[in-house]
Amino acid sequence: MTGTTTRTDTIRLWPARAYRDTFAPDAPAPVEGAELPPGWHGLYFLPDLGLDALRPDGTPARDGVVPGIDLPRRLFAGEEMTFHRPIRYGDTLDLTVSLDRMEDKHGRSGRLVFVTIAKTFGPVGDPAVTVRQHDVFLGPADPARPARPQPGPDGHAWEQPLDLGPIHLFRYSALTYNSHLIHYNDPWAREVEGQPGLLVHGPLTSMLLLDFAVRRSGAAPRRRTRCARSRPSTSAPRCGSPGGPSPAGRGCGSWTSRAACSSARTSGSAVDGGRRTNRPARTRPAKTGLTASSGGRCG
């Protein structure tokens, strides 16, 4: 069954405080009435599914939105976030979720099903944030054929150490009520999913990159970001988050990278005031945009 679901939540201080204490200690402390940082809406509106509504890998099987799909693996493939107006601590909002698109395809590894899920935070006619989330369903993995290394972009003006380990992944899973085994069960990640280790959550990668790009550029996001992942990302020590101004001088970029690792690739934008648009790193940057790209093993 597919359909539309609605949940209501209040933007409380504690989830943001817990995220900040773990991942963003330099971010302003949450205060009632202040603006929620961009992307942090993902800490709220947690799923309320029982164990009988989960797939063997811990992902939702029956959530009232995505129909049952007879493939064993489900991965986050990316998202586009559009910021219409600020969300503030203390606000009470509705989240409306619906299935936007579903495509059945065949690739080198066999059958894949891509789904796009539409999310509206706030009234449909006057949303605060809208999101289009992309997930992919895949067949069984071959542990003997792990993901191949893929380097990130060359050259950067900024860099920040980014160490993500099992404790970080456990905390984010707990904060977001995410029971996907691939984030906290190492034998499952290696032996069933064919990964070299635990995977970093895709939405966490988006949040970390957006935090980094906005902090280093001094740009306040006003419109849109896009995260597109070409490969899953595993937790790893000594991971880096480099970045720098775009060649045209009209934006900047950040990505995650670690030598000799397969990569996720994320692109996004956060403008320095005014309108914000979104372009992948290899295309011409938006006039007022700040682009965030990721490639690397850690996010």
C-alpha atoms as a PDB file:
ATOM      1  CA  MET A   1       0.000   0.000   0.000  1.00  0.00           C
ATOM      2  CA  THR A   2       1.179   3.506  -0.780  1.00  0.00           C
ATOM      3  CA  GLY A   3      -0.273   6.726   0.454  1.00  0.00           C
ATOM      4  CA  THR A   4       0.426   9.847   2.460  1.00  0.00           C
ATOM      5  CA  THR A   5       1.317  10.029   6.129  1.00  0.00           C
ATOM      6  CA  THR A   6       1.401  12.987   8.501  1.00  0.00           C
ATOM      7  CA  ARG A   7       3.257  13.365  11.783  1.00  0.00           C
ATOM      8  CA  THR A   8       3.432  16.307  14.193  1.00  0.00           C
ATOM      9  CA  ASP A   9       6.411  17.278  16.312  1.00  0.00           C
ATOM     10  CA  THR A  10       7.695  20.197  18.357  1.00  0.00           C
ATOM     11  CA  ILE A  11      11.242  21.426  17.715  1.00  0.00           C
ATOM     12  CA  ARG A  12      12.606  20.736  21.182  1.00  0.00           C
ATOM     13  CA  LEU A  13      16.041  21.747  22.425  1.00  0.00           C
ATOM     14  CA  TRP A  14      17.300  18.315  23.472  1.00  0.00           C
ATOM     15  CA  PRO A  15      17.711  16.582  20.071  1.00  0.00           C
ATOM     16  CA  ALA A  16      19.651  19.544  18.682  1.00  0.00           C
ATOM     17  CA  ARG A  17      21.714  19.762  21.861  1.00  0.00           C
ATOM     18  CA  ALA A  18      22.570  16.046  21.642  1.00  0.00           C
ATOM     19  CA  TYR A  19      23.563  16.362  17.972  1.00  0.00           C
ATOM     20  CA  ARG A  20      25.632  19.468  18.679  1.00  0.00           C
ATOM     21  CA  ASP A  21      27.474  17.802  21.565  1.00  0.00           C
ATOM     22  CA  THR A  22      28.435  14.877  19.320  1.00  0.00           C
ATOM     23  CA  PHE A  23      28.967  16.366  15.866  1.00  0.00           C
ATOM     24  CA  ALA A  24      28.944  20.177  15.966  1.00  0.00           C
ATOM     25  CA  PRO A  25      30.450  21.501  19.213  1.00  0.00           C
ATOM     26  CA  ASP A  26      31.190  24.881  17.587  1.00  0.00           C
ATOM     27  CA  ALA A  27      27.551  25.465  16.608  1.00  0.00           C
ATOM     28  CA  PRO A  28      25.521  27.912  18.729  1.00  0.00           C
ATOM     29  CA  ALA A  29      23.830  26.309  21.718  1.00  0.00           C
ATOM     30  CA  PRO A  30      20.107  25.699  21.104  1.00  0.00           C
ATOM     31  CA  VAL A  31      17.939  28.419  22.627  1.00  0.00           C
ATOM     32  CA  GLU A  32      14.167  28.646  22.611  1.00  0.00           C
ATOM     33  CA  GLY A  33      13.013  30.884  19.753  1.00  0.00           C
ATOM     34  CA  ALA A  34      16.346  30.794  17.891  1.00  0.00           C
ATOM     35  CA  GLU A  35      16.637  29.394  14.342  1.00  0.00           C
ATOM     36  CA  LEU A  36      17.270  25.695  13.898  1.00  0.00           C
ATOM     37  CA  PRO A  37      20.455  25.236  11.797  1.00  0.00           C
ATOM     38  CA  PRO A  38      19.800  24.184   8.181  1.00  0.00           C
ATOM     39  CA  GLY A  39      19.350  20.454   7.757  1.00  0.00           C
ATOM     40  CA  TRP A  40      18.779  19.766  11.439  1.00  0.00           C
ATOM     41  CA  HIS A  41      15.063  19.153  10.867  1.00  0.00           C
ATOM     42  CA  GLY A  42      16.103  15.510  10.320  1.00  0.00           C
ATOM     43  CA  LEU A  43      16.496  15.135  14.086  1.00  0.00           C
ATOM     44  CA  TYR A  44      12.725  15.441  14.533  1.00  0.00           C
ATOM     45  CA  PHE A  45       9.550  13.678  13.313  1.00  0.00           C
ATOM     46  CA  LEU A  46      11.001  10.267  14.169  1.00  0.00           C
ATOM     47  CA  PRO A  47       9.375   7.128  12.735  1.00  0.00           C
ATOM     48  CA  ASP A  48       7.045   5.188  15.010  1.00  0.00           C
ATOM     49  CA  LEU A  49       7.103   1.761  13.331  1.00  0.00           C
ATOM     50  CA  GLY A  50       6.872  -1.455  15.343  1.00  0.00           C
ATOM     51  CA  LEU A  51       9.328  -4.294  14.836  1.00  0.00           C
ATOM     52  CA  ASP A  52       6.801  -6.142  12.682  1.00  0.00           C
ATOM     53  CA  ALA A  53       6.880  -3.228  10.195  1.00  0.00           C
ATOM     54  CA  LEU A  54      10.633  -3.536   9.557  1.00  0.00           C
ATOM     55  CA  ARG A  55      12.574  -5.467   6.941  1.00  0.00           C
ATOM     56  CA  PRO A  56      15.305  -7.953   8.029  1.00  0.00           C
ATOM     57  CA  ASP A  57      17.915  -5.194   7.571  1.00  0.00           C
ATOM     58  CA  GLY A  58      16.037  -2.901   9.979  1.00  0.00           C
ATOM     59  CA  THR A  59      14.693  -0.500   7.325  1.00  0.00           C
ATOM     60  CA  PRO A  60      10.944   0.200   6.989  1.00  0.00           C
ATOM     61  CA  ALA A  61       8.880  -2.465   5.220  1.00  0.00           C
ATOM     62  CA  ARG A  62       5.415  -1.008   5.781  1.00  0.00           C
ATOM     63  CA  ASP A  63       5.436   2.716   6.392  1.00  0.00           C
ATOM     64  CA  GLY A  64       2.264   3.649   4.506  1.00  0.00           C
ATOM     65  CA  VAL A  65       4.282   5.418   1.806  1.00  0.00           C
ATOM     66  CA  VAL A  66       6.614   3.044  -0.089  1.00  0.00           C
ATOM     67  CA  PRO A  67       5.052  -0.237  -1.265  1.00  0.00           C
ATOM     68  CA  GLY A  68       6.599  -3.604  -0.464  1.00  0.00           C
ATOM     69  CA  ILE A  69       9.606  -4.219  -2.728  1.00  0.00           C
ATOM     70  CA  ASP A  70      11.020  -7.737  -2.998  1.00  0.00           C
ATOM     71  CA  LEU A  71      14.704  -6.773  -2.869  1.00  0.00           C
ATOM     72  CA  PRO A  72      16.727  -7.347   0.322  1.00  0.00           C
ATOM     73  CA  ARG A  73      18.825  -4.173   0.543  1.00  0.00           C
ATOM     74  CA  ARG A  74      17.821  -0.516   0.862  1.00  0.00           C
ATOM     75  CA  LEU A  75      20.243   2.428   0.755  1.00  0.00           C
ATOM     76  CA  PHE A  76      19.966   6.200   0.896  1.00  0.00           C
ATOM     77  CA  ALA A  77      20.863   7.590  -2.550  1.00  0.00           C
ATOM     78  CA  GLY A  78      20.528  11.342  -2.020  1.00  0.00           C
ATOM     79  CA  GLU A  79      18.163  14.205  -1.313  1.00  0.00           C
ATOM     80  CA  GLU A  80      17.263  17.736  -2.321  1.00  0.00           C
ATOM     81  CA  MET A  81      16.335  20.139   0.462  1.00  0.00           C
ATOM     82  CA  THR A  82      14.627  23.478  -0.201  1.00  0.00           C
ATOM     83  CA  PHE A  83      14.516  26.010   2.636  1.00  0.00           C
ATOM     84  CA  HIS A  84      11.477  28.303   2.344  1.00  0.00           C
ATOM     85  CA  ARG A  85      11.560  29.937   5.774  1.00  0.00           C
ATOM     86  CA  PRO A  86      13.362  29.360   9.077  1.00  0.00           C
ATOM     87  CA  ILE A  87      12.295  26.754  11.595  1.00  0.00           C
ATOM     88  CA  ARG A  88      12.683  27.912  15.195  1.00  0.00           C
ATOM     89  CA  TYR A  89      13.090  26.050  18.458  1.00  0.00           C
ATOM     90  CA  GLY A  90       9.678  25.757  20.033  1.00  0.00           C
ATOM     91  CA  ASP A  91       7.796  25.589  16.706  1.00  0.00           C
ATOM     92  CA  THR A  92       5.221  22.820  16.300  1.00  0.00           C
ATOM     93  CA  LEU A  93       5.006  21.558  12.715  1.00  0.00           C
ATOM     94  CA  ASP A  94       3.457  18.820  10.645  1.00  0.00           C
ATOM     95  CA  LEU A  95       5.528  16.538   8.401  1.00  0.00           C
ATOM     96  CA  THR A  96       3.665  15.229   5.354  1.00  0.00           C
ATOM     97  CA  VAL A  97       5.302  12.315   3.501  1.00  0.00           C
ATOM     98  CA  SER A  98       4.233  10.810   0.168  1.00  0.00           C
ATOM     99  CA  LEU A  99       5.649   8.680  -2.645  1.00  0.00           C
ATOM    100  CA  ASP A 100       6.719  10.930  -5.508  1.00  0.00           C
ATOM    101  CA  ARG A 101       8.205   8.428  -7.956  1.00  0.00           C
ATOM    102  CA  MET A 102       9.251   4.776  -8.331  1.00  0.00           C
ATOM    103  CA  GLU A 103      11.435   3.345 -11.112  1.00  0.00           C
ATOM    104  CA  ASP A 104      12.311  -0.307 -11.747  1.00  0.00           C
ATOM    105  CA  LYS A 105      15.661  -0.689 -13.541  1.00  0.00           C
ATOM    106  CA  HIS A 106      18.335  -3.243 -14.368  1.00  0.00           C
ATOM    107  CA  GLY A 107      22.078  -2.587 -14.046  1.00  0.00           C
ATOM    108  CA  ARG A 108      25.315  -4.563 -14.016  1.00  0.00           C
ATOM    109  CA  SER A 109      24.482  -5.907 -10.571  1.00  0.00           C
ATOM    110  CA  GLY A 110      20.928  -6.864 -11.503  1.00  0.00           C
ATOM    111  CA  ARG A 111      17.567  -5.364 -10.651  1.00  0.00           C
ATOM    112  CA  LEU A 112      17.304  -2.025  -8.808  1.00  0.00           C
ATOM    113  CA  VAL A 113      14.292  -0.013  -7.723  1.00  0.00           C
ATOM    114  CA  PHE A 114      14.673   3.733  -7.197  1.00  0.00           C
ATOM    115  CA  VAL A 115      12.095   5.571  -5.110  1.00  0.00           C
ATOM    116  CA  THR A 116      11.684   9.300  -4.501  1.00  0.00           C
ATOM    117  CA  ILE A 117       9.892  10.323  -1.316  1.00  0.00           C
ATOM    118  CA  ALA A 118       8.450  13.832  -0.966  1.00  0.00           C
ATOM    119  CA  LYS A 119       8.513  15.435   2.481  1.00  0.00           C
ATOM    120  CA  THR A 120       6.911  18.734   3.494  1.00  0.00           C
ATOM    121  CA  PHE A 121       7.748  20.267   6.871  1.00  0.00           C
ATOM    122  CA  GLY A 122       5.012  22.719   7.832  1.00  0.00           C
ATOM    123  CA  PRO A 123       1.705  23.547   6.117  1.00  0.00           C
ATOM    124  CA  VAL A 124       1.571  22.302   2.514  1.00  0.00           C
ATOM    125  CA  GLY A 125       0.687  25.796   1.303  1.00  0.00           C
ATOM    126  CA  ASP A 126       3.356  27.521   3.408  1.00  0.00           C
ATOM    127  CA  PRO A 127       6.153  25.004   4.096  1.00  0.00           C
ATOM    128  CA  ALA A 128       9.309  25.715   6.050  1.00  0.00           C
ATOM    129  CA  VAL A 129      11.325  22.989   4.307  1.00  0.00           C
ATOM    130  CA  THR A 130      10.581  20.604   1.460  1.00  0.00           C
ATOM    131  CA  VAL A 131      12.664  17.509   0.750  1.00  0.00           C
ATOM    132  CA  ARG A 132      12.855  14.988  -2.064  1.00  0.00           C
ATOM    133  CA  GLN A 133      14.642  11.916  -0.696  1.00  0.00           C
ATOM    134  CA  HIS A 134      16.001   9.226  -3.021  1.00  0.00           C
ATOM    135  CA  ASP A 135      16.412   5.608  -1.879  1.00  0.00           C
ATOM    136  CA  VAL A 136      17.513   2.578  -3.876  1.00  0.00           C
ATOM    137  CA  PHE A 137      16.540  -1.053  -3.332  1.00  0.00           C
ATOM    138  CA  LEU A 138      19.075  -3.650  -4.454  1.00  0.00           C
ATOM    139  CA  GLY A 139      19.510  -7.397  -4.731  1.00  0.00           C
ATOM    140  CA  PRO A 140      21.880  -9.498  -2.591  1.00  0.00           C
ATOM    141  CA  ALA A 141      25.438  -8.211  -2.303  1.00  0.00           C
ATOM    142  CA  ASP A 142      28.563 -10.160  -3.173  1.00  0.00           C
ATOM    143  CA  PRO A 143      30.962  -9.723  -0.214  1.00  0.00           C
ATOM    144  CA  ALA A 144      33.805 -10.868  -2.480  1.00  0.00           C
ATOM    145  CA  ARG A 145      33.322  -7.762  -4.633  1.00  0.00           C
ATOM    146  CA  PRO A 146      33.519  -4.713  -2.301  1.00  0.00           C
ATOM    147  CA  ALA A 147      33.025  -1.170  -3.559  1.00  0.00           C
ATOM    148  CA  ARG A 148      35.984   0.103  -5.560  1.00  0.00           C
ATOM    149  CA  PRO A 149      37.972   3.183  -4.488  1.00  0.00           C
ATOM    150  CA  GLN A 150      36.946   6.501  -6.014  1.00  0.00           C
ATOM    151  CA  PRO A 151      38.879   9.694  -5.213  1.00  0.00           C
ATOM    152  CA  GLY A 152      37.320  13.036  -4.369  1.00  0.00           C
ATOM    153  CA  PRO A 153      37.961  16.299  -6.248  1.00  0.00           C
ATOM    154  CA  ASP A 154      41.521  17.598  -6.518  1.00  0.00           C
ATOM    155  CA  GLY A 155      42.637  20.774  -4.758  1.00  0.00           C
ATOM    156  CA  HIS A 156      41.128  22.594  -1.795  1.00  0.00           C
ATOM    157  CA  ALA A 157      41.635  25.725   0.270  1.00  0.00           C
ATOM    158  CA  TRP A 158      40.135  24.449   3.545  1.00  0.00           C
ATOM    159  CA  GLU A 159      40.405  21.250   5.485  1.00  0.00           C
ATOM    160  CA  GLN A 160      38.935  19.958   8.705  1.00  0.00           C
ATOM    161  CA  PRO A 161      39.625  16.618  10.418  1.00  0.00           C
ATOM    162  CA  LEU A 162      36.512  14.445  10.507  1.00  0.00           C
ATOM    163  CA  ASP A 163      36.773  11.294  12.618  1.00  0.00           C
ATOM    164  CA  LEU A 164      33.659   9.146  12.567  1.00  0.00           C
ATOM    165  CA  GLY A 165      33.597   5.842  14.422  1.00  0.00           C
ATOM    166  CA  PRO A 166      31.073   3.352  15.820  1.00  0.00           C
ATOM    167  CA  ILE A 167      30.153   5.617  18.755  1.00  0.00           C
ATOM    168  CA  HIS A 168      29.230   8.480  16.392  1.00  0.00           C
ATOM    169  CA  LEU A 169      27.148   6.145  14.229  1.00  0.00           C
ATOM    170  CA  PHE A 170      25.401   4.639  17.258  1.00  0.00           C
ATOM    171  CA  ARG A 171      24.526   8.078  18.598  1.00  0.00           C
ATOM    172  CA  TYR A 172      23.112   9.249  15.267  1.00  0.00           C
ATOM    173  CA  SER A 173      21.115   6.010  14.915  1.00  0.00           C
ATOM    174  CA  ALA A 174      19.699   6.557  18.389  1.00  0.00           C
ATOM    175  CA  LEU A 175      18.967  10.251  17.812  1.00  0.00           C
ATOM    176  CA  THR A 176      17.043   9.517  14.598  1.00  0.00           C
ATOM    177  CA  TYR A 177      15.521   6.153  15.641  1.00  0.00           C
ATOM    178  CA  ASN A 178      17.292   4.560  12.665  1.00  0.00           C
ATOM    179  CA  SER A 179      17.452   0.768  13.062  1.00  0.00           C
ATOM    180  CA  HIS A 180      19.259  -0.010   9.783  1.00  0.00           C
ATOM    181  CA  LEU A 181      21.766  -2.730  10.734  1.00  0.00           C
ATOM    182  CA  ILE A 182      24.363  -1.464   8.270  1.00  0.00           C
ATOM    183  CA  HIS A 183      25.148   1.449  10.619  1.00  0.00           C
ATOM    184  CA  TYR A 184      25.855  -0.509  13.816  1.00  0.00           C
ATOM    185  CA  ASN A 185      26.217  -4.248  13.092  1.00  0.00           C
ATOM    186  CA  ASP A 186      29.674  -4.794  11.602  1.00  0.00           C
ATOM    187  CA  PRO A 187      29.213  -8.493  10.664  1.00  0.00           C
ATOM    188  CA  TRP A 188      25.983  -7.604   8.833  1.00  0.00           C
ATOM    189  CA  ALA A 189      27.659  -4.733   6.976  1.00  0.00           C
ATOM    190  CA  ARG A 190      30.567  -6.945   5.869  1.00  0.00           C
ATOM    191  CA  GLU A 191      29.032 -10.388   5.400  1.00  0.00           C
ATOM    192  CA  VAL A 192      25.540  -9.519   4.144  1.00  0.00           C
ATOM    193  CA  GLU A 193      25.917  -6.081   2.546  1.00  0.00           C
ATOM    194  CA  GLY A 194      29.416  -6.645   1.164  1.00  0.00           C
ATOM    195  CA  GLN A 195      30.783  -3.424   2.652  1.00  0.00           C
ATOM    196  CA  PRO A 196      34.279  -3.004   4.148  1.00  0.00           C
ATOM    197  CA  GLY A 197      32.771  -1.726   7.387  1.00  0.00           C
ATOM    198  CA  LEU A 198      29.907   0.169   8.998  1.00  0.00           C
ATOM    199  CA  LEU A 199      28.270   2.758   6.738  1.00  0.00           C
ATOM    200  CA  VAL A 200      27.890   6.395   7.691  1.00  0.00           C
ATOM    201  CA  HIS A 201      24.268   7.550   7.448  1.00  0.00           C
ATOM    202  CA  GLY A 202      23.590   9.497   4.246  1.00  0.00           C
ATOM    203  CA  PRO A 203      21.582  12.207   6.020  1.00  0.00           C
ATOM    204  CA  LEU A 204      24.394  12.604   8.569  1.00  0.00           C
ATOM    205  CA  THR A 205      26.846  13.168   5.722  1.00  0.00           C
ATOM    206  CA  SER A 206      24.567  15.868   4.318  1.00  0.00           C
ATOM    207  CA  MET A 207      24.316  17.611   7.689  1.00  0.00           C
ATOM    208  CA  LEU A 208      28.069  17.522   8.321  1.00  0.00           C
ATOM    209  CA  LEU A 209      28.932  18.868   4.874  1.00  0.00           C
ATOM    210  CA  LEU A 210      26.339  21.615   5.056  1.00  0.00           C
ATOM    211  CA  ASP A 211      27.538  22.613   8.551  1.00  0.00           C
ATOM    212  CA  PHE A 212      31.138  22.724   7.316  1.00  0.00           C
ATOM    213  CA  ALA A 213      30.469  24.652   4.110  1.00  0.00           C
ATOM    214  CA  VAL A 214      28.300  27.247   5.835  1.00  0.00           C
ATOM    215  CA  ARG A 215      30.733  27.669   8.722  1.00  0.00           C
ATOM    216  CA  ARG A 216      33.808  28.108   6.516  1.00  0.00           C
ATOM    217  CA  SER A 217      32.145  30.350   3.941  1.00  0.00           C
ATOM    218  CA  GLY A 218      30.175  32.461   6.400  1.00  0.00           C
ATOM    219  CA  ALA A 219      27.156  31.931   4.130  1.00  0.00           C
ATOM    220  CA  ALA A 220      23.684  31.634   5.598  1.00  0.00           C
ATOM    221  CA  PRO A 221      21.698  29.099   3.538  1.00  0.00           C
ATOM    222  CA  ARG A 222      18.526  30.555   2.110  1.00  0.00           C
ATOM    223  CA  ARG A 223      17.239  28.240  -0.547  1.00  0.00           C
ATOM    224  CA  ARG A 224      18.385  24.799  -1.689  1.00  0.00           C
ATOM    225  CA  THR A 225      20.907  21.996  -1.171  1.00  0.00           C
ATOM    226  CA  ARG A 226      21.367  18.760  -3.047  1.00  0.00           C
ATOM    227  CA  CYS A 227      23.088  15.578  -1.888  1.00  0.00           C
ATOM    228  CA  ALA A 228      23.760  12.910  -4.529  1.00  0.00           C
ATOM    229  CA  ARG A 229      25.699   9.815  -3.455  1.00  0.00           C
ATOM    230  CA  SER A 230      27.376   7.595  -6.015  1.00  0.00           C
ATOM    231  CA  ARG A 231      28.732   5.120  -3.441  1.00  0.00           C
ATOM    232  CA  PRO A 232      28.060   4.319   0.218  1.00  0.00           C
ATOM    233  CA  SER A 233      30.526   5.682   2.786  1.00  0.00           C
ATOM    234  CA  THR A 234      32.085   3.753   5.637  1.00  0.00           C
ATOM    235  CA  SER A 235      33.265   5.060   8.987  1.00  0.00           C
ATOM    236  CA  ALA A 236      37.011   5.606   9.088  1.00  0.00           C
ATOM    237  CA  PRO A 237      39.628   7.404  11.177  1.00  0.00           C
ATOM    238  CA  ARG A 238      41.507  10.437   9.884  1.00  0.00           C
ATOM    239  CA  CYS A 239      38.804  11.343   7.435  1.00  0.00           C
ATOM    240  CA  GLY A 240      39.002  14.849   6.004  1.00  0.00           C
ATOM    241  CA  SER A 241      36.460  17.445   4.971  1.00  0.00           C
ATOM    242  CA  PRO A 242      38.293  19.703   2.492  1.00  0.00           C
ATOM    243  CA  GLY A 243      36.765  22.531   0.517  1.00  0.00           C
ATOM    244  CA  GLY A 244      37.311  25.977  -0.940  1.00  0.00           C
ATOM    245  CA  PRO A 245      35.972  28.762  -3.148  1.00  0.00           C
ATOM    246  CA  SER A 246      34.617  27.855  -6.574  1.00  0.00           C
ATOM    247  CA  PRO A 247      36.815  28.694  -9.586  1.00  0.00           C
ATOM    248  CA  ALA A 248      34.455  31.496 -10.614  1.00  0.00           C
ATOM    249  CA  GLY A 249      34.625  33.032  -7.148  1.00  0.00           C
ATOM    250  CA  ARG A 250      30.839  32.986  -6.795  1.00  0.00           C
ATOM    251  CA  GLY A 251      30.522  30.153  -4.330  1.00  0.00           C
ATOM    252  CA  CYS A 252      32.499  27.480  -2.547  1.00  0.00           C
ATOM    253  CA  GLY A 253      32.543  23.759  -2.043  1.00  0.00           C
ATOM    254  CA  SER A 254      33.248  21.037   0.488  1.00  0.00           C
ATOM    255  CA  TRP A 255      33.504  17.283   0.261  1.00  0.00           C
ATOM    256  CA  THR A 256      34.642  14.343   2.358  1.00  0.00           C
ATOM    257  CA  SER A 257      37.682  12.336   1.368  1.00  0.00           C
ATOM    258  CA  ARG A 258      40.106   9.689   2.517  1.00  0.00           C
ATOM    259  CA  ALA A 259      42.879   8.223   0.393  1.00  0.00           C
ATOM    260  CA  ALA A 260      42.349   4.825  -1.251  1.00  0.00           C
ATOM    261  CA  CYS A 261      38.683   4.509  -0.334  1.00  0.00           C
ATOM    262  CA  SER A 262      35.519   4.179  -2.324  1.00  0.00           C
ATOM    263  CA  SER A 263      33.356   7.239  -2.123  1.00  0.00           C
ATOM    264  CA  ALA A 264      30.094   8.916  -1.634  1.00  0.00           C
ATOM    265  CA  ARG A 265      29.566  12.026  -3.691  1.00  0.00           C
ATOM    266  CA  THR A 266      27.490  14.886  -2.396  1.00  0.00           C
ATOM    267  CA  SER A 267      26.736  18.192  -3.997  1.00  0.00           C
ATOM    268  CA  GLY A 268      24.766  20.992  -2.503  1.00  0.00           C
ATOM    269  CA  SER A 269      24.387  24.702  -2.141  1.00  0.00           C
ATOM    270  CA  ALA A 270      23.959  27.294   0.558  1.00  0.00           C
ATOM    271  CA  VAL A 271      23.897  30.906  -0.496  1.00  0.00           C
ATOM    272  CA  ASP A 272      25.608  33.855   1.033  1.00  0.00           C
ATOM    273  CA  GLY A 273      22.378  35.765   1.472  1.00  0.00           C
ATOM    274  CA  GLY A 274      19.391  35.953  -0.918  1.00  0.00           C
ATOM    275  CA  ARG A 275      18.446  33.212  -3.308  1.00  0.00           C
ATOM    276  CA  ARG A 276      20.144  29.861  -3.222  1.00  0.00           C
ATOM    277  CA  THR A 277      20.392  27.373  -6.069  1.00  0.00           C
ATOM    278  CA  ASN A 278      22.105  24.071  -6.485  1.00  0.00           C
ATOM    279  CA  ARG A 279      24.623  22.637  -8.944  1.00  0.00           C
ATOM    280  CA  PRO A 280      26.926  19.588  -8.899  1.00  0.00           C
ATOM    281  CA  ALA A 281      30.588  20.477  -8.447  1.00  0.00           C
ATOM    282  CA  ARG A 282      31.501  19.738 -12.057  1.00  0.00           C
ATOM    283  CA  THR A 283      28.960  22.161 -13.528  1.00  0.00           C
ATOM    284  CA  ARG A 284      28.924  25.941 -13.623  1.00  0.00           C
ATOM    285  CA  PRO A 285      28.250  27.279 -10.111  1.00  0.00           C
ATOM    286  CA  ALA A 286      25.125  29.242  -9.325  1.00  0.00           C
ATOM    287  CA  LYS A 287      25.619  33.007  -9.211  1.00  0.00           C
ATOM    288  CA  THR A 288      24.843  33.291  -5.531  1.00  0.00           C
ATOM    289  CA  GLY A 289      25.454  29.702  -4.529  1.00  0.00           C
ATOM    290  CA  LEU A 290      27.771  27.796  -2.297  1.00  0.00           C
ATOM    291  CA  THR A 291      28.341  24.255  -3.541  1.00  0.00           C
ATOM    292  CA  ALA A 292      29.153  21.321  -1.278  1.00  0.00           C
ATOM    293  CA  SER A 293      30.547  18.153  -2.822  1.00  0.00           C
ATOM    294  CA  SER A 294      31.696  14.979  -1.144  1.00  0.00           C
ATOM    295  CA  GLY A 295      33.802  12.083  -2.239  1.00  0.00           C
ATOM    296  CA  GLY A 296      35.416   9.738   0.224  1.00  0.00           C
ATOM    297  CA  ARG A 297      34.993   6.878   2.603  1.00  0.00           C
ATOM    298  CA  CYS A 298      33.639   8.749   5.576  1.00  0.00           C
ATOM    299  CA  GLY A 299      30.448  10.325   4.576  1.00  0.00           C
END
